[in-house]
């Protein structure tokens, strides 16, 4: 069983999309806990809509590649498209931040909201 940390973010229908993504994740991994969701300012986005961000701590038998593939599938089924991404619309973004001791998305680890959520 591997331990993972997952980042969830949304700037569109945030209060509906984050809980929906969390429920869908719960169907494929064993969620240990989720942090409270926090509102943050956008980074490098053409839109000025606030993001709702949350971290999820979970256990899984799936590999990092399998998880990433499933996360992309969840994003697509929730309506994420390349066109909306170009416009700055993020219905849901699901990123694997850590798989056991291996970290991913290294720039994200430096973002203030990630540091804040790691302490919650």
PDB file of N, CA and C in Angstrom:
ATOM      1  N   UNK A   1       0.853  -1.174   0.000  1.00  0.00           N
ATOM      2  CA  UNK A   1       0.000   0.000   0.000  1.00  0.00           C
ATOM      3  C   UNK A   1       0.899   1.238   0.000  1.00  0.00           C
ATOM      4  N   UNK A   2       0.619   2.176  -0.859  1.00  0.00           N
ATOM      5  CA  UNK A   2       1.405   3.406  -0.960  1.00  0.00           C
ATOM      6  C   UNK A   2       0.607   4.578  -0.415  1.00  0.00           C
ATOM      7  N   UNK A   3       1.334   5.537   0.154  1.00  0.00           N
ATOM      8  CA  UNK A   3       0.730   6.763   0.676  1.00  0.00           C
ATOM      9  C   UNK A   3       0.874   7.857  -0.378  1.00  0.00           C
ATOM     10  N   UNK A   4      -0.186   8.623  -0.566  1.00  0.00           N
ATOM     11  CA  UNK A   4      -0.153   9.688  -1.564  1.00  0.00           C
ATOM     12  C   UNK A   4      -0.711  10.983  -0.991  1.00  0.00           C
ATOM     13  N   UNK A   5      -0.262  12.081  -1.582  1.00  0.00           N
ATOM     14  CA  UNK A   5      -0.845  13.401  -1.325  1.00  0.00           C
ATOM     15  C   UNK A   5      -1.297  13.933  -2.673  1.00  0.00           C
ATOM     16  N   UNK A   6      -2.536  14.367  -2.726  1.00  0.00           N
ATOM     17  CA  UNK A   6      -3.162  14.832  -3.962  1.00  0.00           C
ATOM     18  C   UNK A   6      -3.654  16.258  -3.755  1.00  0.00           C
ATOM     19  N   UNK A   7      -3.459  17.076  -4.764  1.00  0.00           N
ATOM     20  CA  UNK A   7      -3.934  18.451  -4.737  1.00  0.00           C
ATOM     21  C   UNK A   7      -5.175  18.579  -5.610  1.00  0.00           C
ATOM     22  N   UNK A   8      -6.203  19.226  -5.085  1.00  0.00           N
ATOM     23  CA  UNK A   8      -7.419  19.527  -5.841  1.00  0.00           C
ATOM     24  C   UNK A   8      -7.545  21.042  -5.957  1.00  0.00           C
ATOM     25  N   UNK A   9      -7.963  21.511  -7.132  1.00  0.00           N
ATOM     26  CA  UNK A   9      -8.161  22.944  -7.331  1.00  0.00           C
ATOM     27  C   UNK A   9      -9.276  23.170  -8.346  1.00  0.00           C
ATOM     28  N   UNK A  10     -10.017  24.261  -8.137  1.00  0.00           N
ATOM     29  CA  UNK A  10     -11.077  24.628  -9.067  1.00  0.00           C
ATOM     30  C   UNK A  10     -11.312  26.129  -8.992  1.00  0.00           C
ATOM     31  N   UNK A  11     -11.573  26.739 -10.160  1.00  0.00           N
ATOM     32  CA  UNK A  11     -11.971  28.154 -10.177  1.00  0.00           C
ATOM     33  C   UNK A  11     -13.305  28.354 -10.890  1.00  0.00           C
ATOM     34  N   UNK A  12     -14.042  27.264 -11.069  1.00  0.00           N
ATOM     35  CA  UNK A  12     -15.341  27.317 -11.750  1.00  0.00           C
ATOM     36  C   UNK A  12     -16.304  26.385 -11.012  1.00  0.00           C
ATOM     37  N   UNK A  13     -17.417  26.926 -10.537  1.00  0.00           N
ATOM     38  CA  UNK A  13     -18.360  26.135  -9.735  1.00  0.00           C
ATOM     39  C   UNK A  13     -17.607  25.383  -8.643  1.00  0.00           C
ATOM     40  N   UNK A  14     -16.733  26.117  -7.969  1.00  0.00           N
ATOM     41  CA  UNK A  14     -15.791  25.541  -7.021  1.00  0.00           C
ATOM     42  C   UNK A  14     -16.449  24.710  -5.929  1.00  0.00           C
ATOM     43  N   UNK A  15     -17.515  25.222  -5.336  1.00  0.00           N
ATOM     44  CA  UNK A  15     -18.120  24.533  -4.192  1.00  0.00           C
ATOM     45  C   UNK A  15     -18.870  23.264  -4.603  1.00  0.00           C
ATOM     46  N   UNK A  16     -19.122  23.093  -5.895  1.00  0.00           N
ATOM     47  CA  UNK A  16     -19.704  21.839  -6.387  1.00  0.00           C
ATOM     48  C   UNK A  16     -18.610  20.897  -6.890  1.00  0.00           C
ATOM     49  N   UNK A  17     -17.629  21.451  -7.598  1.00  0.00           N
ATOM     50  CA  UNK A  17     -16.630  20.613  -8.258  1.00  0.00           C
ATOM     51  C   UNK A  17     -15.632  19.967  -7.298  1.00  0.00           C
ATOM     52  N   UNK A  18     -15.218  20.675  -6.258  1.00  0.00           N
ATOM     53  CA  UNK A  18     -14.250  20.081  -5.334  1.00  0.00           C
ATOM     54  C   UNK A  18     -14.846  18.875  -4.603  1.00  0.00           C
ATOM     55  N   UNK A  19     -16.041  18.985  -4.004  1.00  0.00           N
ATOM     56  CA  UNK A  19     -16.623  17.806  -3.347  1.00  0.00           C
ATOM     57  C   UNK A  19     -16.908  16.651  -4.316  1.00  0.00           C
ATOM     58  N   UNK A  20     -17.298  16.980  -5.546  1.00  0.00           N
ATOM     59  CA  UNK A  20     -17.545  15.927  -6.541  1.00  0.00           C
ATOM     60  C   UNK A  20     -16.251  15.185  -6.859  1.00  0.00           C
ATOM     61  N   UNK A  21     -15.170  15.914  -7.046  1.00  0.00           N
ATOM     62  CA  UNK A  21     -13.880  15.276  -7.314  1.00  0.00           C
ATOM     63  C   UNK A  21     -13.447  14.411  -6.131  1.00  0.00           C
ATOM     64  N   UNK A  22     -13.676  14.894  -4.930  1.00  0.00           N
ATOM     65  CA  UNK A  22     -13.318  14.137  -3.735  1.00  0.00           C
ATOM     66  C   UNK A  22     -14.110  12.825  -3.668  1.00  0.00           C
ATOM     67  N   UNK A  23     -15.396  12.877  -3.985  1.00  0.00           N
ATOM     68  CA  UNK A  23     -16.211  11.654  -4.003  1.00  0.00           C
ATOM     69  C   UNK A  23     -15.702  10.676  -5.059  1.00  0.00           C
ATOM     70  N   UNK A  24     -15.350  11.195  -6.226  1.00  0.00           N
ATOM     71  CA  UNK A  24     -14.856  10.316  -7.292  1.00  0.00           C
ATOM     72  C   UNK A  24     -13.512   9.708  -6.920  1.00  0.00           C
ATOM     73  N   UNK A  25     -12.655  10.484  -6.264  1.00  0.00           N
ATOM     74  CA  UNK A  25     -11.384   9.936  -5.801  1.00  0.00           C
ATOM     75  C   UNK A  25     -11.626   8.818  -4.785  1.00  0.00           C
ATOM     76  N   UNK A  26     -12.622   9.001  -3.933  1.00  0.00           N
ATOM     77  CA  UNK A  26     -12.943   8.003  -2.924  1.00  0.00           C
ATOM     78  C   UNK A  26     -13.375   6.674  -3.511  1.00  0.00           C
ATOM     79  N   UNK A  27     -13.748   6.669  -4.782  1.00  0.00           N
ATOM     80  CA  UNK A  27     -14.128   5.424  -5.449  1.00  0.00           C
ATOM     81  C   UNK A  27     -12.918   4.642  -5.946  1.00  0.00           C
ATOM     82  N   UNK A  28     -11.740   5.298  -6.006  1.00  0.00           N
ATOM     83  CA  UNK A  28     -10.567   4.604  -6.551  1.00  0.00           C
ATOM     84  C   UNK A  28      -9.402   4.486  -5.565  1.00  0.00           C
ATOM     85  N   UNK A  29      -9.441   5.271  -4.491  1.00  0.00           N
ATOM     86  CA  UNK A  29      -8.374   5.221  -3.486  1.00  0.00           C
ATOM     87  C   UNK A  29      -9.006   5.249  -2.102  1.00  0.00           C
ATOM     88  N   UNK A  30      -8.213   4.891  -1.092  1.00  0.00           N
ATOM     89  CA  UNK A  30      -8.695   4.920   0.282  1.00  0.00           C
ATOM     90  C   UNK A  30      -8.266   6.250   0.906  1.00  0.00           C
ATOM     91  N   UNK A  31      -9.211   7.181   1.016  1.00  0.00           N
ATOM     92  CA  UNK A  31      -8.908   8.511   1.552  1.00  0.00           C
ATOM     93  C   UNK A  31      -8.763   8.426   3.065  1.00  0.00           C
ATOM     94  N   UNK A  32      -7.614   8.846   3.558  1.00  0.00           N
ATOM     95  CA  UNK A  32      -7.372   8.912   5.001  1.00  0.00           C
ATOM     96  C   UNK A  32      -7.955  10.192   5.586  1.00  0.00           C
ATOM     97  N   UNK A  33      -7.670  11.305   4.894  1.00  0.00           N
ATOM     98  CA  UNK A  33      -8.239  12.586   5.317  1.00  0.00           C
ATOM     99  C   UNK A  33      -8.067  13.608   4.210  1.00  0.00           C
ATOM    100  N   UNK A  34      -8.876  14.630   4.289  1.00  0.00           N
ATOM    101  CA  UNK A  34      -8.771  15.766   3.375  1.00  0.00           C
ATOM    102  C   UNK A  34      -8.693  17.025   4.226  1.00  0.00           C
ATOM    103  N   UNK A  35      -7.868  17.962   3.796  1.00  0.00           N
ATOM    104  CA  UNK A  35      -7.781  19.221   4.521  1.00  0.00           C
ATOM    105  C   UNK A  35      -9.053  20.018   4.277  1.00  0.00           C
ATOM    106  N   UNK A  36      -9.244  21.050   5.061  1.00  0.00           N
ATOM    107  CA  UNK A  36     -10.323  21.967   4.729  1.00  0.00           C
ATOM    108  C   UNK A  36      -9.956  22.635   3.418  1.00  0.00           C
ATOM    109  N   UNK A  37     -10.939  23.034   2.670  1.00  0.00           N
ATOM    110  CA  UNK A  37     -10.700  23.740   1.412  1.00  0.00           C
ATOM    111  C   UNK A  37     -10.486  25.221   1.717  1.00  0.00           C
ATOM    112  N   UNK A  38      -9.536  25.838   0.998  1.00  0.00           N
ATOM    113  CA  UNK A  38      -9.272  27.263   1.194  1.00  0.00           C
ATOM    114  C   UNK A  38      -9.354  27.997  -0.138  1.00  0.00           C
ATOM    115  N   UNK A  39      -9.752  29.269  -0.061  1.00  0.00           N
ATOM    116  CA  UNK A  39      -9.844  30.129  -1.231  1.00  0.00           C
ATOM    117  C   UNK A  39      -8.496  30.809  -1.449  1.00  0.00           C
ATOM    118  N   UNK A  40      -8.060  30.866  -2.706  1.00  0.00           N
ATOM    119  CA  UNK A  40      -6.790  31.501  -3.026  1.00  0.00           C
ATOM    120  C   UNK A  40      -6.921  32.346  -4.291  1.00  0.00           C
ATOM    121  N   UNK A  41      -6.021  33.298  -4.410  1.00  0.00           N
ATOM    122  CA  UNK A  41      -5.942  34.129  -5.606  1.00  0.00           C
ATOM    123  C   UNK A  41      -5.362  33.298  -6.752  1.00  0.00           C
ATOM    124  N   UNK A  42      -5.738  33.614  -7.993  1.00  0.00           N
ATOM    125  CA  UNK A  42      -5.191  32.867  -9.137  1.00  0.00           C
ATOM    126  C   UNK A  42      -3.714  33.184  -9.378  1.00  0.00           C
ATOM    127  N   UNK A  43      -2.980  32.189  -9.903  1.00  0.00           N
ATOM    128  CA  UNK A  43      -1.588  32.350 -10.334  1.00  0.00           C
ATOM    129  C   UNK A  43      -1.565  32.290 -11.856  1.00  0.00           C
ATOM    130  N   UNK A  44      -1.040  33.287 -12.501  1.00  0.00           N
ATOM    131  CA  UNK A  44      -0.831  33.275 -13.954  1.00  0.00           C
ATOM    132  C   UNK A  44      -2.073  32.825 -14.713  1.00  0.00           C
ATOM    133  N   UNK A  45      -3.201  33.434 -14.426  1.00  0.00           N
ATOM    134  CA  UNK A  45      -4.451  33.058 -15.070  1.00  0.00           C
ATOM    135  C   UNK A  45      -5.074  34.292 -15.716  1.00  0.00           C
ATOM    136  N   UNK A  46      -5.647  34.143 -16.914  1.00  0.00           N
ATOM    137  CA  UNK A  46      -6.319  35.279 -17.539  1.00  0.00           C
ATOM    138  C   UNK A  46      -7.610  35.675 -16.800  1.00  0.00           C
ATOM    139  N   UNK A  47      -8.141  34.762 -16.005  1.00  0.00           N
ATOM    140  CA  UNK A  47      -9.335  35.060 -15.215  1.00  0.00           C
ATOM    141  C   UNK A  47      -8.933  35.476 -13.809  1.00  0.00           C
ATOM    142  N   UNK A  48      -9.799  36.220 -13.174  1.00  0.00           N
ATOM    143  CA  UNK A  48      -9.527  36.663 -11.815  1.00  0.00           C
ATOM    144  C   UNK A  48     -10.370  35.915 -10.787  1.00  0.00           C
ATOM    145  N   UNK A  49     -11.007  34.821 -11.224  1.00  0.00           N
ATOM    146  CA  UNK A  49     -11.837  34.034 -10.322  1.00  0.00           C
ATOM    147  C   UNK A  49     -10.960  33.356  -9.273  1.00  0.00           C
ATOM    148  N   UNK A  50     -11.447  33.344  -8.043  1.00  0.00           N
ATOM    149  CA  UNK A  50     -10.720  32.684  -6.967  1.00  0.00           C
ATOM    150  C   UNK A  50     -10.720  31.171  -7.173  1.00  0.00           C
ATOM    151  N   UNK A  51      -9.683  30.546  -6.662  1.00  0.00           N
ATOM    152  CA  UNK A  51      -9.583  29.091  -6.656  1.00  0.00           C
ATOM    153  C   UNK A  51      -9.987  28.566  -5.287  1.00  0.00           C
ATOM    154  N   UNK A  52     -10.560  27.388  -5.292  1.00  0.00           N
ATOM    155  CA  UNK A  52     -10.777  26.635  -4.069  1.00  0.00           C
ATOM    156  C   UNK A  52      -9.802  25.469  -4.127  1.00  0.00           C
ATOM    157  N   UNK A  53      -8.958  25.344  -3.096  1.00  0.00           N
ATOM    158  CA  UNK A  53      -7.884  24.348  -3.069  1.00  0.00           C
ATOM    159  C   UNK A  53      -8.013  23.441  -1.857  1.00  0.00           C
ATOM    160  N   UNK A  54      -7.571  22.208  -2.035  1.00  0.00           N
ATOM    161  CA  UNK A  54      -7.647  21.223  -0.961  1.00  0.00           C
ATOM    162  C   UNK A  54      -6.587  20.151  -1.198  1.00  0.00           C
ATOM    163  N   UNK A  55      -6.062  19.595  -0.114  1.00  0.00           N
ATOM    164  CA  UNK A  55      -5.156  18.451  -0.205  1.00  0.00           C
ATOM    165  C   UNK A  55      -5.860  17.208   0.310  1.00  0.00           C
ATOM    166  N   UNK A  56      -5.532  16.081  -0.299  1.00  0.00           N
ATOM    167  CA  UNK A  56      -6.101  14.795   0.077  1.00  0.00           C
ATOM    168  C   UNK A  56      -4.943  13.854   0.406  1.00  0.00           C
ATOM    169  N   UNK A  57      -5.042  13.207   1.553  1.00  0.00           N
ATOM    170  CA  UNK A  57      -4.075  12.184   1.966  1.00  0.00           C
ATOM    171  C   UNK A  57      -4.775  10.840   1.830  1.00  0.00           C
ATOM    172  N   UNK A  58      -4.118   9.907   1.128  1.00  0.00           N
ATOM    173  CA  UNK A  58      -4.786   8.639   0.855  1.00  0.00           C
ATOM    174  C   UNK A  58      -3.772   7.502   0.748  1.00  0.00           C
ATOM    175  N   UNK A  59      -4.317   6.280   0.737  1.00  0.00           N
ATOM    176  CA  UNK A  59      -3.548   5.063   0.511  1.00  0.00           C
ATOM    177  C   UNK A  59      -4.084   4.419  -0.762  1.00  0.00           C
ATOM    178  N   UNK A  60      -3.184   3.738  -1.480  1.00  0.00           N
ATOM    179  CA  UNK A  60      -3.607   3.097  -2.718  1.00  0.00           C
ATOM    180  C   UNK A  60      -2.702   1.926  -3.064  1.00  0.00           C
ATOM    181  N   UNK A  61      -3.250   1.003  -3.836  1.00  0.00           N
ATOM    182  CA  UNK A  61      -2.467  -0.084  -4.405  1.00  0.00           C
ATOM    183  C   UNK A  61      -2.075   0.251  -5.847  1.00  0.00           C
ATOM    184  N   UNK A  62      -2.606   1.356  -6.372  1.00  0.00           N
ATOM    185  CA  UNK A  62      -2.320   1.751  -7.745  1.00  0.00           C
ATOM    186  C   UNK A  62      -0.945   2.398  -7.846  1.00  0.00           C
ATOM    187  N   UNK A  63      -0.341   2.327  -9.019  1.00  0.00           N
ATOM    188  CA  UNK A  63       0.947   2.981  -9.255  1.00  0.00           C
ATOM    189  C   UNK A  63       0.723   4.480  -9.478  1.00  0.00           C
ATOM    190  N   UNK A  64       1.813   5.240  -9.443  1.00  0.00           N
ATOM    191  CA  UNK A  64       1.726   6.685  -9.693  1.00  0.00           C
ATOM    192  C   UNK A  64       1.192   6.948 -11.101  1.00  0.00           C
ATOM    193  N   UNK A  65       1.644   6.186 -12.081  1.00  0.00           N
ATOM    194  CA  UNK A  65       1.168   6.366 -13.451  1.00  0.00           C
ATOM    195  C   UNK A  65      -0.315   6.036 -13.578  1.00  0.00           C
ATOM    196  N   UNK A  66      -0.749   4.974 -12.914  1.00  0.00           N
ATOM    197  CA  UNK A  66      -2.174   4.621 -12.948  1.00  0.00           C
ATOM    198  C   UNK A  66      -3.014   5.730 -12.320  1.00  0.00           C
ATOM    199  N   UNK A  67      -2.550   6.252 -11.196  1.00  0.00           N
ATOM    200  CA  UNK A  67      -3.287   7.337 -10.535  1.00  0.00           C
ATOM    201  C   UNK A  67      -3.394   8.555 -11.435  1.00  0.00           C
ATOM    202  N   UNK A  68      -2.276   8.954 -12.001  1.00  0.00           N
ATOM    203  CA  UNK A  68      -2.274  10.133 -12.861  1.00  0.00           C
ATOM    204  C   UNK A  68      -3.236   9.961 -14.029  1.00  0.00           C
ATOM    205  N   UNK A  69      -3.254   8.794 -14.602  1.00  0.00           N
ATOM    206  CA  UNK A  69      -4.169   8.500 -15.701  1.00  0.00           C
ATOM    207  C   UNK A  69      -5.627   8.595 -15.238  1.00  0.00           C
ATOM    208  N   UNK A  70      -5.917   8.037 -14.068  1.00  0.00           N
ATOM    209  CA  UNK A  70      -7.279   8.106 -13.532  1.00  0.00           C
ATOM    210  C   UNK A  70      -7.666   9.546 -13.181  1.00  0.00           C
ATOM    211  N   UNK A  71      -6.717  10.324 -12.673  1.00  0.00           N
ATOM    212  CA  UNK A  71      -7.011  11.729 -12.357  1.00  0.00           C
ATOM    213  C   UNK A  71      -7.398  12.484 -13.625  1.00  0.00           C
ATOM    214  N   UNK A  72      -6.683  12.248 -14.720  1.00  0.00           N
ATOM    215  CA  UNK A  72      -6.993  12.915 -15.985  1.00  0.00           C
ATOM    216  C   UNK A  72      -8.361  12.490 -16.495  1.00  0.00           C
ATOM    217  N   UNK A  73      -8.704  11.238 -16.291  1.00  0.00           N
ATOM    218  CA  UNK A  73     -10.025  10.752 -16.702  1.00  0.00           C
ATOM    219  C   UNK A  73     -11.126  11.437 -15.892  1.00  0.00           C
ATOM    220  N   UNK A  74     -10.920  11.586 -14.591  1.00  0.00           N
ATOM    221  CA  UNK A  74     -11.897  12.287 -13.753  1.00  0.00           C
ATOM    222  C   UNK A  74     -12.045  13.735 -14.225  1.00  0.00           C
ATOM    223  N   UNK A  75     -10.918  14.390 -14.501  1.00  0.00           N
ATOM    224  CA  UNK A  75     -10.972  15.781 -14.977  1.00  0.00           C
ATOM    225  C   UNK A  75     -11.801  15.882 -16.258  1.00  0.00           C
ATOM    226  N   UNK A  76     -11.579  14.960 -17.188  1.00  0.00           N
ATOM    227  CA  UNK A  76     -12.323  14.971 -18.447  1.00  0.00           C
ATOM    228  C   UNK A  76     -13.807  14.730 -18.224  1.00  0.00           C
ATOM    229  N   UNK A  77     -14.150  13.761 -17.370  1.00  0.00           N
ATOM    230  CA  UNK A  77     -15.570  13.472 -17.138  1.00  0.00           C
ATOM    231  C   UNK A  77     -16.265  14.613 -16.400  1.00  0.00           C
ATOM    232  N   UNK A  78     -15.481  15.443 -15.718  1.00  0.00           N
ATOM    233  CA  UNK A  78     -16.061  16.603 -15.042  1.00  0.00           C
ATOM    234  C   UNK A  78     -16.114  17.823 -15.959  1.00  0.00           C
ATOM    235  N   UNK A  79     -15.691  17.650 -17.208  1.00  0.00           N
ATOM    236  CA  UNK A  79     -15.853  18.707 -18.199  1.00  0.00           C
ATOM    237  C   UNK A  79     -14.626  19.539 -18.501  1.00  0.00           C
ATOM    238  N   UNK A  80     -13.471  19.149 -17.993  1.00  0.00           N
ATOM    239  CA  UNK A  80     -12.258  19.927 -18.275  1.00  0.00           C
ATOM    240  C   UNK A  80     -11.856  19.737 -19.734  1.00  0.00           C
ATOM    241  N   UNK A  81     -11.606  20.860 -20.419  1.00  0.00           N
ATOM    242  CA  UNK A  81     -11.208  20.808 -21.822  1.00  0.00           C
ATOM    243  C   UNK A  81      -9.990  21.709 -22.043  1.00  0.00           C
ATOM    244  N   UNK A  82      -9.210  21.421 -23.082  1.00  0.00           N
ATOM    245  CA  UNK A  82      -8.072  22.292 -23.406  1.00  0.00           C
ATOM    246  C   UNK A  82      -8.513  23.727 -23.730  1.00  0.00           C
ATOM    247  N   UNK A  83      -9.683  23.866 -24.361  1.00  0.00           N
ATOM    248  CA  UNK A  83     -10.184  25.196 -24.707  1.00  0.00           C
ATOM    249  C   UNK A  83     -10.459  26.022 -23.453  1.00  0.00           C
ATOM    250  N   UNK A  84     -11.107  25.405 -22.469  1.00  0.00           N
ATOM    251  CA  UNK A  84     -11.382  26.127 -21.228  1.00  0.00           C
ATOM    252  C   UNK A  84     -10.081  26.442 -20.493  1.00  0.00           C
ATOM    253  N   UNK A  85      -9.141  25.528 -20.529  1.00  0.00           N
ATOM    254  CA  UNK A  85      -7.852  25.761 -19.869  1.00  0.00           C
ATOM    255  C   UNK A  85      -7.176  27.001 -20.454  1.00  0.00           C
ATOM    256  N   UNK A  86      -7.227  27.148 -21.786  1.00  0.00           N
ATOM    257  CA  UNK A  86      -6.645  28.316 -22.436  1.00  0.00           C
ATOM    258  C   UNK A  86      -7.344  29.602 -22.002  1.00  0.00           C
ATOM    259  N   UNK A  87      -8.633  29.508 -21.697  1.00  0.00           N
ATOM    260  CA  UNK A  87      -9.400  30.667 -21.239  1.00  0.00           C
ATOM    261  C   UNK A  87      -9.193  30.941 -19.756  1.00  0.00           C
ATOM    262  N   UNK A  88      -8.517  30.021 -19.051  1.00  0.00           N
ATOM    263  CA  UNK A  88      -8.287  30.176 -17.625  1.00  0.00           C
ATOM    264  C   UNK A  88      -9.337  29.513 -16.757  1.00  0.00           C
ATOM    265  N   UNK A  89     -10.277  28.797 -17.376  1.00  0.00           N
ATOM    266  CA  UNK A  89     -11.323  28.100 -16.624  1.00  0.00           C
ATOM    267  C   UNK A  89     -10.784  26.745 -16.186  1.00  0.00           C
ATOM    268  N   UNK A  90     -10.830  26.502 -14.889  1.00  0.00           N
ATOM    269  CA  UNK A  90     -10.374  25.224 -14.346  1.00  0.00           C
ATOM    270  C   UNK A  90     -11.529  24.627 -13.546  1.00  0.00           C
ATOM    271  N   UNK A  91     -12.305  23.761 -14.201  1.00  0.00           N
ATOM    272  CA  UNK A  91     -13.404  23.102 -13.488  1.00  0.00           C
ATOM    273  C   UNK A  91     -12.838  22.274 -12.350  1.00  0.00           C
ATOM    274  N   UNK A  92     -11.793  21.506 -12.662  1.00  0.00           N
ATOM    275  CA  UNK A  92     -11.111  20.717 -11.634  1.00  0.00           C
ATOM    276  C   UNK A  92      -9.700  20.421 -12.121  1.00  0.00           C
ATOM    277  N   UNK A  93      -8.779  20.491 -11.207  1.00  0.00           N
ATOM    278  CA  UNK A  93      -7.395  20.096 -11.466  1.00  0.00           C
ATOM    279  C   UNK A  93      -7.013  19.147 -10.343  1.00  0.00           C
ATOM    280  N   UNK A  94      -6.587  17.954 -10.717  1.00  0.00           N
ATOM    281  CA  UNK A  94      -6.198  16.933  -9.745  1.00  0.00           C
ATOM    282  C   UNK A  94      -4.749  16.565 -10.034  1.00  0.00           C
ATOM    283  N   UNK A  95      -3.883  16.823  -9.078  1.00  0.00           N
ATOM    284  CA  UNK A  95      -2.458  16.542  -9.265  1.00  0.00           C
ATOM    285  C   UNK A  95      -1.930  15.649  -8.149  1.00  0.00           C
ATOM    286  N   UNK A  96      -1.124  14.694  -8.548  1.00  0.00           N
ATOM    287  CA  UNK A  96      -0.405  13.856  -7.589  1.00  0.00           C
ATOM    288  C   UNK A  96       0.816  14.639  -7.129  1.00  0.00           C
ATOM    289  N   UNK A  97       0.835  15.027  -5.862  1.00  0.00           N
ATOM    290  CA  UNK A  97       1.969  15.779  -5.311  1.00  0.00           C
ATOM    291  C   UNK A  97       3.039  14.860  -4.745  1.00  0.00           C
ATOM    292  N   UNK A  98       2.594  13.760  -4.138  1.00  0.00           N
ATOM    293  CA  UNK A  98       3.574  12.854  -3.538  1.00  0.00           C
ATOM    294  C   UNK A  98       3.061  11.421  -3.602  1.00  0.00           C
ATOM    295  N   UNK A  99       3.962  10.506  -3.945  1.00  0.00           N
ATOM    296  CA  UNK A  99       3.678   9.078  -3.965  1.00  0.00           C
ATOM    297  C   UNK A  99       4.767   8.427  -3.127  1.00  0.00           C
ATOM    298  N   UNK A 100       4.389   7.910  -1.963  1.00  0.00           N
ATOM    299  CA  UNK A 100       5.351   7.461  -0.961  1.00  0.00           C
ATOM    300  C   UNK A 100       6.336   8.610  -0.720  1.00  0.00           C
ATOM    301  N   UNK A 101       7.617   8.437  -1.028  1.00  0.00           N
ATOM    302  CA  UNK A 101       8.591   9.505  -0.754  1.00  0.00           C
ATOM    303  C   UNK A 101       8.968  10.297  -2.005  1.00  0.00           C
ATOM    304  N   UNK A 102       8.330   9.986  -3.123  1.00  0.00           N
ATOM    305  CA  UNK A 102       8.625  10.678  -4.382  1.00  0.00           C
ATOM    306  C   UNK A 102       7.688  11.876  -4.553  1.00  0.00           C
ATOM    307  N   UNK A 103       8.276  13.064  -4.701  1.00  0.00           N
ATOM    308  CA  UNK A 103       7.473  14.277  -4.910  1.00  0.00           C
ATOM    309  C   UNK A 103       7.356  14.592  -6.398  1.00  0.00           C
ATOM    310  N   UNK A 104       6.202  15.162  -6.760  1.00  0.00           N
ATOM    311  CA  UNK A 104       5.908  15.588  -8.123  1.00  0.00           C
ATOM    312  C   UNK A 104       5.484  17.057  -8.087  1.00  0.00           C
ATOM    313  N   UNK A 105       5.408  17.676  -9.248  1.00  0.00           N
ATOM    314  CA  UNK A 105       4.977  19.073  -9.362  1.00  0.00           C
ATOM    315  C   UNK A 105       5.758  19.949  -8.373  1.00  0.00           C
ATOM    316  N   UNK A 106       7.064  19.938  -8.518  1.00  0.00           N
ATOM    317  CA  UNK A 106       7.937  20.588  -7.541  1.00  0.00           C
ATOM    318  C   UNK A 106       7.640  22.081  -7.356  1.00  0.00           C
ATOM    319  N   UNK A 107       7.225  22.780  -8.405  1.00  0.00           N
ATOM    320  CA  UNK A 107       6.896  24.205  -8.271  1.00  0.00           C
ATOM    321  C   UNK A 107       5.693  24.404  -7.344  1.00  0.00           C
ATOM    322  N   UNK A 108       4.762  23.458  -7.369  1.00  0.00           N
ATOM    323  CA  UNK A 108       3.570  23.570  -6.521  1.00  0.00           C
ATOM    324  C   UNK A 108       3.935  23.543  -5.035  1.00  0.00           C
ATOM    325  N   UNK A 109       4.979  22.794  -4.682  1.00  0.00           N
ATOM    326  CA  UNK A 109       5.377  22.692  -3.277  1.00  0.00           C
ATOM    327  C   UNK A 109       5.799  24.046  -2.713  1.00  0.00           C
ATOM    328  N   UNK A 110       6.179  24.972  -3.559  1.00  0.00           N
ATOM    329  CA  UNK A 110       6.611  26.300  -3.108  1.00  0.00           C
ATOM    330  C   UNK A 110       5.460  27.297  -3.007  1.00  0.00           C
ATOM    331  N   UNK A 111       4.321  26.939  -3.512  1.00  0.00           N
ATOM    332  CA  UNK A 111       3.179  27.866  -3.481  1.00  0.00           C
ATOM    333  C   UNK A 111       2.680  28.028  -2.048  1.00  0.00           C
ATOM    334  N   UNK A 112       2.364  29.260  -1.681  1.00  0.00           N
ATOM    335  CA  UNK A 112       1.946  29.518  -0.292  1.00  0.00           C
ATOM    336  C   UNK A 112       0.744  28.686   0.152  1.00  0.00           C
ATOM    337  N   UNK A 113      -0.224  28.481  -0.726  1.00  0.00           N
ATOM    338  CA  UNK A 113      -1.415  27.733  -0.304  1.00  0.00           C
ATOM    339  C   UNK A 113      -1.088  26.263  -0.040  1.00  0.00           C
ATOM    340  N   UNK A 114      -0.137  25.689  -0.789  1.00  0.00           N
ATOM    341  CA  UNK A 114       0.250  24.301  -0.525  1.00  0.00           C
ATOM    342  C   UNK A 114       0.909  24.211   0.844  1.00  0.00           C
ATOM    343  N   UNK A 115       1.816  25.132   1.120  1.00  0.00           N
ATOM    344  CA  UNK A 115       2.470  25.155   2.429  1.00  0.00           C
ATOM    345  C   UNK A 115       1.442  25.319   3.538  1.00  0.00           C
ATOM    346  N   UNK A 116       0.457  26.196   3.312  1.00  0.00           N
ATOM    347  CA  UNK A 116      -0.598  26.428   4.313  1.00  0.00           C
ATOM    348  C   UNK A 116      -1.419  25.151   4.529  1.00  0.00           C
ATOM    349  N   UNK A 117      -1.794  24.490   3.434  1.00  0.00           N
ATOM    350  CA  UNK A 117      -2.605  23.277   3.569  1.00  0.00           C
ATOM    351  C   UNK A 117      -1.829  22.123   4.181  1.00  0.00           C
ATOM    352  N   UNK A 118      -0.543  22.053   3.942  1.00  0.00           N
ATOM    353  CA  UNK A 118       0.260  20.989   4.540  1.00  0.00           C
ATOM    354  C   UNK A 118       0.295  21.090   6.057  1.00  0.00           C
ATOM    355  N   UNK A 119       0.071  22.272   6.587  1.00  0.00           N
ATOM    356  CA  UNK A 119       0.090  22.490   8.036  1.00  0.00           C
ATOM    357  C   UNK A 119      -1.290  22.361   8.654  1.00  0.00           C
ATOM    358  N   UNK A 120      -2.301  21.974   7.901  1.00  0.00           N
ATOM    359  CA  UNK A 120      -3.660  21.861   8.436  1.00  0.00           C
ATOM    360  C   UNK A 120      -3.981  20.417   8.749  1.00  0.00           C
TER     361      UNK A 120
END
